[in-house]
C-alpha atoms as a PDB file:
ATOM      1  CA  MET A   1     -47.693 -87.475 -17.732  1.00  0.00           C
ATOM      2  CA  ALA A   2     -48.964 -83.752 -17.699  1.00  0.00           C
ATOM      3  CA  TRP A   3     -52.287 -82.258 -17.034  1.00  0.00           C
ATOM      4  CA  LEU A   4     -54.037 -79.336 -17.894  1.00  0.00           C
ATOM      5  CA  LEU A   5     -56.687 -76.924 -16.166  1.00  0.00           C
ATOM      6  CA  VAL A   6     -58.991 -76.459 -18.426  1.00  0.00           C
ATOM      7  CA  GLN A   7     -61.463 -73.548 -18.097  1.00  0.00           C
ATOM      8  CA  ARG A   8     -65.396 -74.426 -18.305  1.00  0.00           C
ATOM      9  CA  SER A   9     -66.023 -71.167 -19.743  1.00  0.00           C
ATOM     10  CA  LEU A  10     -64.115 -68.348 -21.759  1.00  0.00           C
ATOM     11  CA  THR A  11     -64.612 -65.547 -19.588  1.00  0.00           C
ATOM     12  CA  PRO A  12     -61.079 -65.147 -17.611  1.00  0.00           C
ATOM     13  CA  PRO A  13     -61.583 -65.804 -13.812  1.00  0.00           C
ATOM     14  CA  GLU A  14     -61.169 -62.902 -11.531  1.00  0.00           C
ATOM     15  CA  ILE A  15     -57.634 -62.533 -10.435  1.00  0.00           C
ATOM     16  CA  GLU A  16     -58.408 -62.321  -6.614  1.00  0.00           C
ATOM     17  CA  PRO A  17     -60.094 -65.872  -6.123  1.00  0.00           C
ATOM     18  CA  VAL A  18     -57.174 -67.360  -8.433  1.00  0.00           C
ATOM     19  CA  GLN A  19     -54.504 -65.696  -6.303  1.00  0.00           C
ATOM     20  CA  ARG A  20     -56.178 -67.363  -2.972  1.00  0.00           C
ATOM     21  CA  ALA A  21     -56.257 -70.625  -4.367  1.00  0.00           C
ATOM     22  CA  PHE A  22     -52.776 -70.410  -5.355  1.00  0.00           C
ATOM     23  CA  GLN A  23     -51.648 -69.196  -1.781  1.00  0.00           C
ATOM     24  CA  ALA A  24     -53.540 -71.975  -0.183  1.00  0.00           C
ATOM     25  CA  THR A  25     -52.033 -74.705  -2.217  1.00  0.00           C
ATOM     26  CA  GLY A  26     -48.510 -73.345  -2.304  1.00  0.00           C
ATOM     27  CA  ILE A  27     -48.003 -74.843  -6.265  1.00  0.00           C
ATOM     28  CA  PHE A  28     -47.662 -71.225  -7.566  1.00  0.00           C
ATOM     29  CA  HIS A  29     -46.969 -67.811  -6.121  1.00  0.00           C
ATOM     30  CA  ALA A  30     -49.854 -65.596  -5.461  1.00  0.00           C
ATOM     31  CA  LEU A  31     -48.478 -62.938  -7.768  1.00  0.00           C
ATOM     32  CA  ASP A  32     -48.323 -65.572 -10.417  1.00  0.00           C
ATOM     33  CA  ALA A  33     -51.926 -65.435 -10.920  1.00  0.00           C
ATOM     34  CA  VAL A  34     -51.797 -62.035 -12.978  1.00  0.00           C
ATOM     35  CA  SER A  35     -49.843 -63.647 -15.322  1.00  0.00           C
ATOM     36  CA  PHE A  36     -51.958 -66.537 -15.577  1.00  0.00           C
ATOM     37  CA  VAL A  37     -55.338 -64.766 -15.978  1.00  0.00           C
ATOM     38  CA  ARG A  38     -54.064 -62.703 -18.821  1.00  0.00           C
ATOM     39  CA  ASP A  39     -52.891 -65.759 -20.441  1.00  0.00           C
ATOM     40  CA  ALA A  40     -56.172 -67.453 -19.888  1.00  0.00           C
ATOM     41  CA  PHE A  41     -57.795 -68.294 -23.399  1.00  0.00           C
ATOM     42  CA  GLY A  42     -59.047 -71.787 -22.370  1.00  0.00           C
ATOM     43  CA  VAL A  43     -56.489 -72.917 -20.185  1.00  0.00           C
ATOM     44  CA  LEU A  44     -56.215 -71.748 -17.063  1.00  0.00           C
ATOM     45  CA  ALA A  45     -52.583 -73.798 -16.315  1.00  0.00           C
ATOM     46  CA  LYS A  46     -50.369 -76.403 -18.119  1.00  0.00           C
ATOM     47  CA  GLY A  47     -47.804 -78.995 -17.421  1.00  0.00           C
ATOM     48  CA  LEU A  48     -49.068 -79.787 -13.884  1.00  0.00           C
ATOM     49  CA  SER A  49     -48.946 -83.423 -12.150  1.00  0.00           C
ATOM     50  CA  ASP A  50     -51.720 -85.396 -11.239  1.00  0.00           C
ATOM     51  CA  ASP A  51     -51.915 -84.497  -7.861  1.00  0.00           C
ATOM     52  CA  ASP A  52     -51.180 -81.024  -8.049  1.00  0.00           C
ATOM     53  CA  ALA A  53     -53.853 -80.728 -10.874  1.00  0.00           C
ATOM     54  CA  HIS A  54     -56.647 -81.825  -8.538  1.00  0.00           C
ATOM     55  CA  ARG A  55     -55.455 -80.230  -5.702  1.00  0.00           C
ATOM     56  CA  LEU A  56     -55.444 -77.064  -7.645  1.00  0.00           C
ATOM     57  CA  GLN A  57     -58.846 -77.393  -9.046  1.00  0.00           C
ATOM     58  CA  ASN A  58     -60.301 -78.318  -5.398  1.00  0.00           C
ATOM     59  CA  ALA A  59     -58.770 -75.175  -4.358  1.00  0.00           C
ATOM     60  CA  LEU A  60     -60.028 -72.966  -7.092  1.00  0.00           C
ATOM     61  CA  ALA A  61     -63.502 -74.663  -6.785  1.00  0.00           C
ATOM     62  CA  VAL A  62     -63.669 -73.260  -3.094  1.00  0.00           C
ATOM     63  CA  GLN A  63     -63.096 -70.089  -4.511  1.00  0.00           C
ATOM     64  CA  GLY A  64     -65.812 -70.151  -7.038  1.00  0.00           C
ATOM     65  CA  VAL A  65     -63.524 -71.076 -10.217  1.00  0.00           C
ATOM     66  CA  GLU A  66     -64.720 -74.186 -11.894  1.00  0.00           C
ATOM     67  CA  VAL A  67     -62.195 -75.875 -14.319  1.00  0.00           C
ATOM     68  CA  ASP A  68     -61.483 -79.455 -15.480  1.00  0.00           C
ATOM     69  CA  VAL A  69     -58.609 -81.714 -14.930  1.00  0.00           C
ATOM     70  CA  ILE A  70     -57.480 -83.018 -18.544  1.00  0.00           C
ATOM     71  CA  ASP A  71     -54.610 -85.209 -19.771  1.00  0.00           C
ATOM     72  CA  GLU A  72     -52.352 -83.261 -22.204  1.00  0.00           C
ATOM     73  CA  ALA A  73     -52.553 -86.204 -24.500  1.00  0.00           C
ATOM     74  CA  ASP A  74     -56.061 -85.696 -24.763  1.00  0.00           C
ATOM     75  CA  TRP A  75     -56.054 -81.882 -25.667  1.00  0.00           C
ATOM     76  CA  PRO A  76     -57.167 -81.158 -29.496  1.00  0.00           C
ATOM     77  CA  THR A  77     -54.114 -80.469 -31.790  1.00  0.00           C
ATOM     78  CA  LEU A  78     -55.337 -77.943 -34.468  1.00  0.00           C
ATOM     79  CA  PRO A  79     -55.518 -79.742 -37.939  1.00  0.00           C
ATOM     80  CA  PRO A  80     -52.724 -78.238 -40.327  1.00  0.00           C
ATOM     81  CA  ALA A  81     -53.824 -74.735 -41.762  1.00  0.00           C
ATOM     82  CA  LYS A  82     -54.718 -74.745 -45.693  1.00  0.00           C
ATOM     83  CA  ARG A  83     -53.688 -70.711 -46.024  1.00  0.00           C
ATOM     84  CA  ILE A  84     -56.283 -69.231 -48.454  1.00  0.00           C
ATOM     85  CA  LEU A  85     -56.460 -65.723 -50.433  1.00  0.00           C
ATOM     86  CA  ARG A  86     -59.713 -65.816 -51.598  1.00  0.00           C
ATOM     87  CA  ALA A  87     -62.842 -67.412 -51.205  1.00  0.00           C
ATOM     88  CA  ALA A  88     -66.758 -67.031 -51.736  1.00  0.00           C
ATOM     89  CA  CYS A  89     -70.097 -67.888 -50.236  1.00  0.00           C
ATOM     90  CA  TRP A  90     -72.377 -69.337 -52.602  1.00  0.00           C
ATOM     91  CA  ALA A  91     -75.734 -70.867 -52.177  1.00  0.00           C
ATOM     92  CA  GLU A  92     -74.191 -74.216 -52.357  1.00  0.00           C
ATOM     93  CA  GLY A  93     -71.853 -74.001 -49.757  1.00  0.00           C
ATOM     94  CA  PHE A  94     -68.312 -72.259 -49.227  1.00  0.00           C
ATOM     95  CA  ALA A  95     -65.728 -71.976 -51.775  1.00  0.00           C
ATOM     96  CA  PRO A  96     -62.287 -71.204 -51.171  1.00  0.00           C
ATOM     97  CA  LEU A  97     -59.726 -71.244 -53.793  1.00  0.00           C
ATOM     98  CA  ASP A  98     -56.531 -73.515 -53.112  1.00  0.00           C
ATOM     99  CA  PRO A  99     -53.205 -72.143 -53.952  1.00  0.00           C
ATOM    100  CA  LEU A 100     -53.107 -73.241 -57.652  1.00  0.00           C
ATOM    101  CA  GLY A 101     -56.358 -70.934 -58.006  1.00  0.00           C
ATOM    102  CA  ARG A 102     -58.685 -74.063 -58.116  1.00  0.00           C
ATOM    103  CA  GLU A 103     -62.233 -73.227 -56.537  1.00  0.00           C
ATOM    104  CA  LEU A 104     -62.865 -75.912 -53.814  1.00  0.00           C
ATOM    105  CA  ASN A 105     -66.850 -76.510 -53.084  1.00  0.00           C
ATOM    106  CA  ILE A 106     -67.756 -77.247 -49.189  1.00  0.00           C
ATOM    107  CA  PRO A 107     -71.112 -77.898 -48.205  1.00  0.00           C
ATOM    108  CA  TRP A 108     -72.466 -75.878 -45.365  1.00  0.00           C
ATOM    109  CA  ASP A 109     -73.259 -78.554 -43.235  1.00  0.00           C
ATOM    110  CA  GLN A 110     -69.576 -79.352 -43.079  1.00  0.00           C
ATOM    111  CA  ILE A 111     -68.571 -76.238 -41.291  1.00  0.00           C
ATOM    112  CA  VAL A 112     -68.487 -76.756 -37.461  1.00  0.00           C
ATOM    113  CA  VAL A 113     -66.274 -73.550 -36.359  1.00  0.00           C
ATOM    114  CA  VAL A 114     -65.683 -70.463 -37.566  1.00  0.00           C
ATOM    115  CA  CYS A 115     -63.227 -68.156 -35.305  1.00  0.00           C
ATOM    116  CA  ALA A 116     -61.804 -64.759 -36.124  1.00  0.00           C
ATOM    117  CA  GLY A 117     -59.840 -62.280 -33.944  1.00  0.00           C
ATOM    118  CA  LEU A 118     -57.354 -59.033 -33.760  1.00  0.00           C
ATOM    119  CA  VAL A 119     -54.265 -61.102 -33.132  1.00  0.00           C
ATOM    120  CA  ARG A 120     -50.696 -59.507 -32.619  1.00  0.00           C
ATOM    121  CA  GLU A 121     -48.457 -60.677 -35.468  1.00  0.00           C
ATOM    122  CA  VAL A 122     -44.538 -60.835 -35.124  1.00  0.00           C
ATOM    123  CA  GLU A 123     -43.190 -59.235 -38.628  1.00  0.00           C
ATOM    124  CA  PHE A 124     -39.421 -59.389 -39.718  1.00  0.00           C
ATOM    125  CA  GLY A 125     -37.699 -56.635 -42.260  1.00  0.00           C
ATOM    126  CA  LYS A 126     -35.216 -54.319 -42.308  1.00  0.00           C
ATOM    127  CA  ARG A 127     -34.971 -50.473 -41.107  1.00  0.00           C
ATOM    128  CA  VAL A 128     -32.874 -48.149 -43.081  1.00  0.00           C
ATOM    129  CA  THR A 129     -31.675 -45.216 -41.864  1.00  0.00           C
ATOM    130  CA  ALA A 130     -28.797 -42.497 -43.838  1.00  0.00           C
ATOM    131  CA  THR A 131     -27.643 -39.099 -43.945  1.00  0.00           C
ATOM    132  CA  ALA A 132     -29.168 -36.932 -46.396  1.00  0.00           C
ATOM    133  CA  ILE A 133     -30.464 -33.626 -47.961  1.00  0.00           C
ATOM    134  CA  ILE A 134     -32.077 -32.315 -50.607  1.00  0.00           C
ATOM    135  CA  GLY A 135     -30.209 -32.969 -54.178  1.00  0.00           C
ATOM    136  CA  TRP A 136     -28.461 -36.166 -52.432  1.00  0.00           C
ATOM    137  CA  PRO A 137     -26.542 -38.329 -53.722  1.00  0.00           C
ATOM    138  CA  ALA A 138     -25.342 -35.609 -56.353  1.00  0.00           C
ATOM    139  CA  ALA A 139     -24.102 -33.313 -53.253  1.00  0.00           C
ATOM    140  CA  PRO A 140     -20.637 -34.147 -51.890  1.00  0.00           C
ATOM    141  CA  LEU A 141     -20.750 -35.749 -48.482  1.00  0.00           C
ATOM    142  CA  SER A 142     -19.121 -32.758 -46.610  1.00  0.00           C
ATOM    143  CA  ALA A 143     -21.990 -30.714 -47.813  1.00  0.00           C
ATOM    144  CA  ARG A 144     -24.799 -32.946 -46.411  1.00  0.00           C
ATOM    145  CA  ASN A 145     -26.228 -32.154 -43.303  1.00  0.00           C
ATOM    146  CA  SER A 146     -27.174 -34.405 -40.223  1.00  0.00           C
ATOM    147  CA  LEU A 147     -30.597 -35.048 -40.799  1.00  0.00           C
ATOM    148  CA  MET A 148     -31.668 -38.731 -40.231  1.00  0.00           C
ATOM    149  CA  ILE A 149     -34.482 -40.160 -42.785  1.00  0.00           C
ATOM    150  CA  ASP A 150     -36.125 -43.079 -41.215  1.00  0.00           C
ATOM    151  CA  VAL A 151     -37.443 -45.553 -43.554  1.00  0.00           C
ATOM    152  CA  PRO A 152     -40.714 -47.242 -42.938  1.00  0.00           C
ATOM    153  CA  PHE A 153     -40.016 -50.699 -41.582  1.00  0.00           C
ATOM    154  CA  TRP A 154     -40.048 -52.788 -44.769  1.00  0.00           C
ATOM    155  CA  ALA A 155     -38.504 -50.313 -47.314  1.00  0.00           C
ATOM    156  CA  SER A 156     -36.156 -51.315 -49.604  1.00  0.00           C
ATOM    157  CA  GLU A 157     -33.808 -49.342 -51.526  1.00  0.00           C
ATOM    158  CA  GLY A 158     -35.747 -48.722 -54.515  1.00  0.00           C
ATOM    159  CA  SER A 159     -38.209 -47.514 -52.300  1.00  0.00           C
ATOM    160  CA  PHE A 160     -36.516 -44.039 -51.543  1.00  0.00           C
ATOM    161  CA  GLY A 161     -37.966 -42.673 -54.729  1.00  0.00           C
ATOM    162  CA  PHE A 162     -34.361 -42.545 -56.877  1.00  0.00           C
ATOM    163  CA  SER A 163     -32.398 -45.033 -58.401  1.00  0.00           C
ATOM    164  CA  ASP A 164     -29.092 -44.046 -57.406  1.00  0.00           C
ATOM    165  CA  PRO A 165     -27.338 -46.578 -54.640  1.00  0.00           C
ATOM    166  CA  LEU A 166     -27.701 -45.636 -50.954  1.00  0.00           C
ATOM    167  CA  PRO A 167     -24.485 -43.609 -49.452  1.00  0.00           C
ATOM    168  CA  ALA A 168     -21.835 -46.128 -48.007  1.00  0.00           C
ATOM    169  CA  ASP A 169     -22.643 -44.262 -44.350  1.00  0.00           C
ATOM    170  CA  ARG A 170     -26.392 -45.680 -44.433  1.00  0.00           C
ATOM    171  CA  LEU A 171     -27.598 -47.610 -41.435  1.00  0.00           C
ATOM    172  CA  VAL A 172     -29.173 -51.218 -42.210  1.00  0.00           C
ATOM    173  CA  LEU A 173     -30.854 -52.494 -38.814  1.00  0.00           C
ATOM    174  CA  THR A 174     -32.525 -55.663 -38.751  1.00  0.00           C
ATOM    175  CA  GLY A 175     -35.615 -56.538 -36.232  1.00  0.00           C
ATOM    176  CA  GLU A 176     -39.040 -57.207 -35.680  1.00  0.00           C
ATOM    177  CA  GLU A 177     -42.290 -55.405 -35.544  1.00  0.00           C
ATOM    178  CA  ARG A 178     -45.446 -56.423 -33.816  1.00  0.00           C
ATOM    179  CA  ASN A 179     -48.621 -55.416 -35.361  1.00  0.00           C
ATOM    180  CA  TRP A 180     -52.445 -56.315 -34.814  1.00  0.00           C
ATOM    181  CA  GLN A 181     -53.913 -58.101 -37.770  1.00  0.00           C
ATOM    182  CA  TRP A 182     -57.204 -59.727 -38.063  1.00  0.00           C
ATOM    183  CA  VAL A 183     -57.201 -63.045 -39.015  1.00  0.00           C
ATOM    184  CA  ALA A 184     -59.922 -65.870 -39.589  1.00  0.00           C
ATOM    185  CA  GLU A 185     -60.463 -69.570 -39.516  1.00  0.00           C
ATOM    186  CA  VAL A 186     -62.929 -72.382 -40.781  1.00  0.00           C
ATOM    187  CA  ILE A 187     -62.938 -75.628 -39.488  1.00  0.00           C
ATOM    188  CA  LEU A 188     -65.032 -78.399 -41.052  1.00  0.00           C
ATOM    189  CA  ALA A 189     -66.343 -82.086 -39.074  1.00  0.00           C
ATOM    190  CA  GLY A 190     -63.708 -84.049 -40.804  1.00  0.00           C
ATOM    191  CA  GLY A 191     -60.756 -81.955 -39.701  1.00  0.00           C
ATOM    192  CA  LEU A 192     -59.866 -79.536 -42.291  1.00  0.00           C
ATOM    193  CA  ARG A 193     -58.685 -76.243 -41.360  1.00  0.00           C
ATOM    194  CA  PHE A 194     -59.004 -72.920 -43.593  1.00  0.00           C
ATOM    195  CA  VAL A 195     -56.898 -69.789 -42.662  1.00  0.00           C
ATOM    196  CA  TRP A 196     -56.547 -66.455 -43.724  1.00  0.00           C
ATOM    197  CA  GLN A 197     -55.699 -62.925 -42.957  1.00  0.00           C
ATOM    198  CA  ALA A 198     -57.871 -59.826 -43.632  1.00  0.00           C
ATOM    199  CA  HIS A 199     -55.095 -57.466 -45.028  1.00  0.00           C
ATOM    200  CA  GLU A 200     -53.949 -60.428 -47.411  1.00  0.00           C
ATOM    201  CA  PHE A 201     -57.558 -61.726 -48.384  1.00  0.00           C
ATOM    202  CA  ASN A 202     -59.035 -61.086 -51.943  1.00  0.00           C
ATOM    203  CA  TYR A 203     -62.852 -59.384 -51.341  1.00  0.00           C
ATOM    204  CA  GLN A 204     -63.639 -59.530 -54.947  1.00  0.00           C
ATOM    205  CA  SER A 205     -66.916 -61.940 -53.814  1.00  0.00           C
ATOM    206  CA  LEU A 206     -68.456 -59.096 -52.500  1.00  0.00           C
ATOM    207  CA  GLY A 207     -68.613 -57.225 -55.691  1.00  0.00           C
ATOM    208  CA  ALA A 208     -70.037 -53.414 -54.991  1.00  0.00           C
ATOM    209  CA  ARG A 209     -69.888 -54.029 -51.132  1.00  0.00           C
ATOM    210  CA  ALA A 210     -66.406 -54.133 -50.851  1.00  0.00           C
ATOM    211  CA  THR A 211     -64.977 -51.006 -49.126  1.00  0.00           C
ATOM    212  CA  ARG A 212     -61.220 -51.666 -49.604  1.00  0.00           C
ATOM    213  CA  LYS A 213     -60.856 -51.515 -45.797  1.00  0.00           C
ATOM    214  CA  SER A 214     -60.094 -55.096 -44.964  1.00  0.00           C
ATOM    215  CA  GLU A 215     -61.404 -55.040 -41.329  1.00  0.00           C
ATOM    216  CA  VAL A 216     -64.867 -53.955 -42.799  1.00  0.00           C
ATOM    217  CA  ASP A 217     -64.770 -56.569 -46.085  1.00  0.00           C
ATOM    218  CA  LEU A 218     -63.605 -59.068 -43.634  1.00  0.00           C
ATOM    219  CA  GLY A 219     -66.671 -58.340 -41.345  1.00  0.00           C
ATOM    220  CA  ILE A 220     -69.347 -58.394 -44.488  1.00  0.00           C
ATOM    221  CA  PHE A 221     -67.502 -61.557 -45.634  1.00  0.00           C
ATOM    222  CA  LEU A 222     -67.640 -63.329 -42.337  1.00  0.00           C
ATOM    223  CA  ARG A 223     -71.619 -62.073 -41.655  1.00  0.00           C
ATOM    224  CA  ASP A 224     -72.502 -63.745 -45.112  1.00  0.00           C
ATOM    225  CA  LEU A 225     -70.789 -66.820 -43.936  1.00  0.00           C
ATOM    226  CA  PHE A 226     -72.539 -66.791 -40.643  1.00  0.00           C
ATOM    227  CA  SER A 227     -76.058 -66.728 -42.430  1.00  0.00           C
ATOM    228  CA  ALA A 228     -75.295 -69.878 -44.163  1.00  0.00           C
ATOM    229  CA  VAL A 229     -74.022 -71.448 -40.879  1.00  0.00           C
ATOM    230  CA  PRO A 230     -76.274 -70.904 -38.012  1.00  0.00           C
ATOM    231  CA  ASN A 231     -75.597 -73.624 -35.957  1.00  0.00           C
ATOM    232  CA  ALA A 232     -71.390 -73.102 -36.217  1.00  0.00           C
ATOM    233  CA  VAL A 233     -69.771 -72.527 -33.337  1.00  0.00           C
ATOM    234  CA  LEU A 234     -68.158 -69.087 -33.043  1.00  0.00           C
ATOM    235  CA  ASN A 235     -65.309 -68.053 -30.936  1.00  0.00           C
ATOM    236  CA  ARG A 236     -65.510 -64.832 -29.168  1.00  0.00           C
ATOM    237  CA  GLY A 237     -63.934 -62.644 -31.936  1.00  0.00           C
ATOM    238  CA  ALA A 238     -66.165 -63.916 -34.498  1.00  0.00           C
ATOM    239  CA  PHE A 239     -69.109 -63.542 -32.376  1.00  0.00           C
ATOM    240  CA  ALA A 240     -68.257 -60.042 -31.805  1.00  0.00           C
ATOM    241  CA  ILE A 241     -68.236 -59.330 -35.602  1.00  0.00           C
ATOM    242  CA  ARG A 242     -71.390 -61.464 -36.459  1.00  0.00           C
ATOM    243  CA  GLU A 243     -73.112 -58.418 -33.592  1.00  0.00           C
ATOM    244  CA  ASN A 244     -71.449 -56.242 -35.748  1.00  0.00           C
ATOM    245  CA  LEU A 245     -69.256 -54.928 -32.519  1.00  0.00           C
ATOM    246  CA  PRO A 246     -65.900 -55.937 -33.391  1.00  0.00           C
ATOM    247  CA  GLU A 247     -64.356 -53.392 -30.903  1.00  0.00           C
ATOM    248  CA  THR A 248     -66.129 -55.465 -28.138  1.00  0.00           C
ATOM    249  CA  GLY A 249     -64.203 -58.909 -29.133  1.00  0.00           C
ATOM    250  CA  PRO A 250     -60.866 -59.672 -27.191  1.00  0.00           C
ATOM    251  CA  ARG A 251     -57.645 -59.173 -28.401  1.00  0.00           C
ATOM    252  CA  TYR A 252     -55.249 -62.034 -28.804  1.00  0.00           C
ATOM    253  CA  PRO A 253     -51.430 -61.377 -27.761  1.00  0.00           C
ATOM    254  CA  THR A 254     -50.088 -63.936 -29.549  1.00  0.00           C
ATOM    255  CA  ARG A 255     -50.981 -66.600 -32.236  1.00  0.00           C
ATOM    256  CA  ASN A 256     -50.968 -69.026 -29.721  1.00  0.00           C
ATOM    257  CA  ALA A 257     -53.566 -67.585 -27.700  1.00  0.00           C
ATOM    258  CA  PHE A 258     -55.661 -67.549 -30.751  1.00  0.00           C
ATOM    259  CA  SER A 259     -54.818 -71.283 -31.342  1.00  0.00           C
ATOM    260  CA  GLU A 260     -55.762 -72.143 -27.716  1.00  0.00           C
ATOM    261  CA  GLU A 261     -59.072 -70.514 -27.692  1.00  0.00           C
ATOM    262  CA  THR A 262     -60.152 -72.509 -30.745  1.00  0.00           C
ATOM    263  CA  ALA A 263     -58.607 -75.860 -29.247  1.00  0.00           C
ATOM    264  CA  TRP A 264     -61.048 -75.035 -26.531  1.00  0.00           C
ATOM    265  CA  LEU A 265     -63.765 -75.104 -28.648  1.00  0.00           C
ATOM    266  CA  LEU A 266     -62.873 -78.304 -30.497  1.00  0.00           C
ATOM    267  CA  TRP A 267     -62.556 -79.754 -27.217  1.00  0.00           C
ATOM    268  CA  ARG A 268     -66.118 -78.855 -26.207  1.00  0.00           C
ATOM    269  CA  LEU A 269     -67.336 -80.160 -30.017  1.00  0.00           C
ATOM    270  CA  ARG A 270     -65.442 -83.397 -29.676  1.00  0.00           C
ATOM    271  CA  ARG A 271     -66.861 -84.091 -26.246  1.00  0.00           C
ATOM    272  CA  ALA A 272     -70.225 -83.707 -28.029  1.00  0.00           C
ATOM    273  CA  GLY A 273     -69.424 -85.802 -31.020  1.00  0.00           C
ATOM    274  CA  ARG A 274     -69.518 -83.041 -33.364  1.00  0.00           C
ATOM    275  CA  PHE A 275     -66.140 -82.731 -34.304  1.00  0.00           C
ATOM    276  CA  VAL A 276     -63.136 -85.656 -35.819  1.00  0.00           C
ATOM    277  CA  PRO A 277     -59.957 -85.116 -35.424  1.00  0.00           C
ATOM    278  CA  LEU A 278     -58.057 -85.497 -38.630  1.00  0.00           C
ATOM    279  CA  ALA A 279     -55.946 -88.337 -37.649  1.00  0.00           C
ATOM    280  CA  ASP A 280     -59.272 -90.169 -36.637  1.00  0.00           C
ATOM    281  CA  ALA A 281     -61.369 -89.076 -39.677  1.00  0.00           C
END
């Protein structure tokens, strides 16, 4: 059985008190406090034994850092994500479209959590590099200079602007890029979860208010949604958007960090009787 140290507030603790608690218990090295605090999006430490968890809880309390000891088996599991590419906010409720284009009608009182945030996503693709000069590929290889053309990460051969195949001396590299993307989630009381990415979402329902800037349109769409669900719990990113100050929200270094904060909100709601996991509904 493993135990978690769960924050009582989503505000990350100061590093120095955590360092002193680590040093007092000897469970972790004091230098580890930096990474623990940096990655604290609801859970300060994981995988602890019962004894270590309570020792560390007491040491943190002495330093003014309040945490709860929670059995990992009791920690909420996020409901399966239903990815959507389009939705509308009608007077009757939230209307996402399923993958077949069918509109679902969700009464507003069923929405208990709305999350949003700037998440660093990993994307995989190709990078193509080739030697070329103007007139390539008609010019002979001996006439080409050594200018290196760095093609955009997601480029394919057809995106070079000509139909001729790339020369044999091209270099194709595969790898990953990490980009910051706005994402959003809506979770229902019964456990359903709708997820979308701002840059892939269709904002047709905004009509003339749509700006064609995904981060701006996401804010407009979510503020429409917030006005219809004033009692919904918001994560820190969604709260920043509601206040029209998205730049003040946290950046989530991984999707796991974003999900951890969402799970923390569900844990609090479940304790208050406002959320029923899908498996128990």
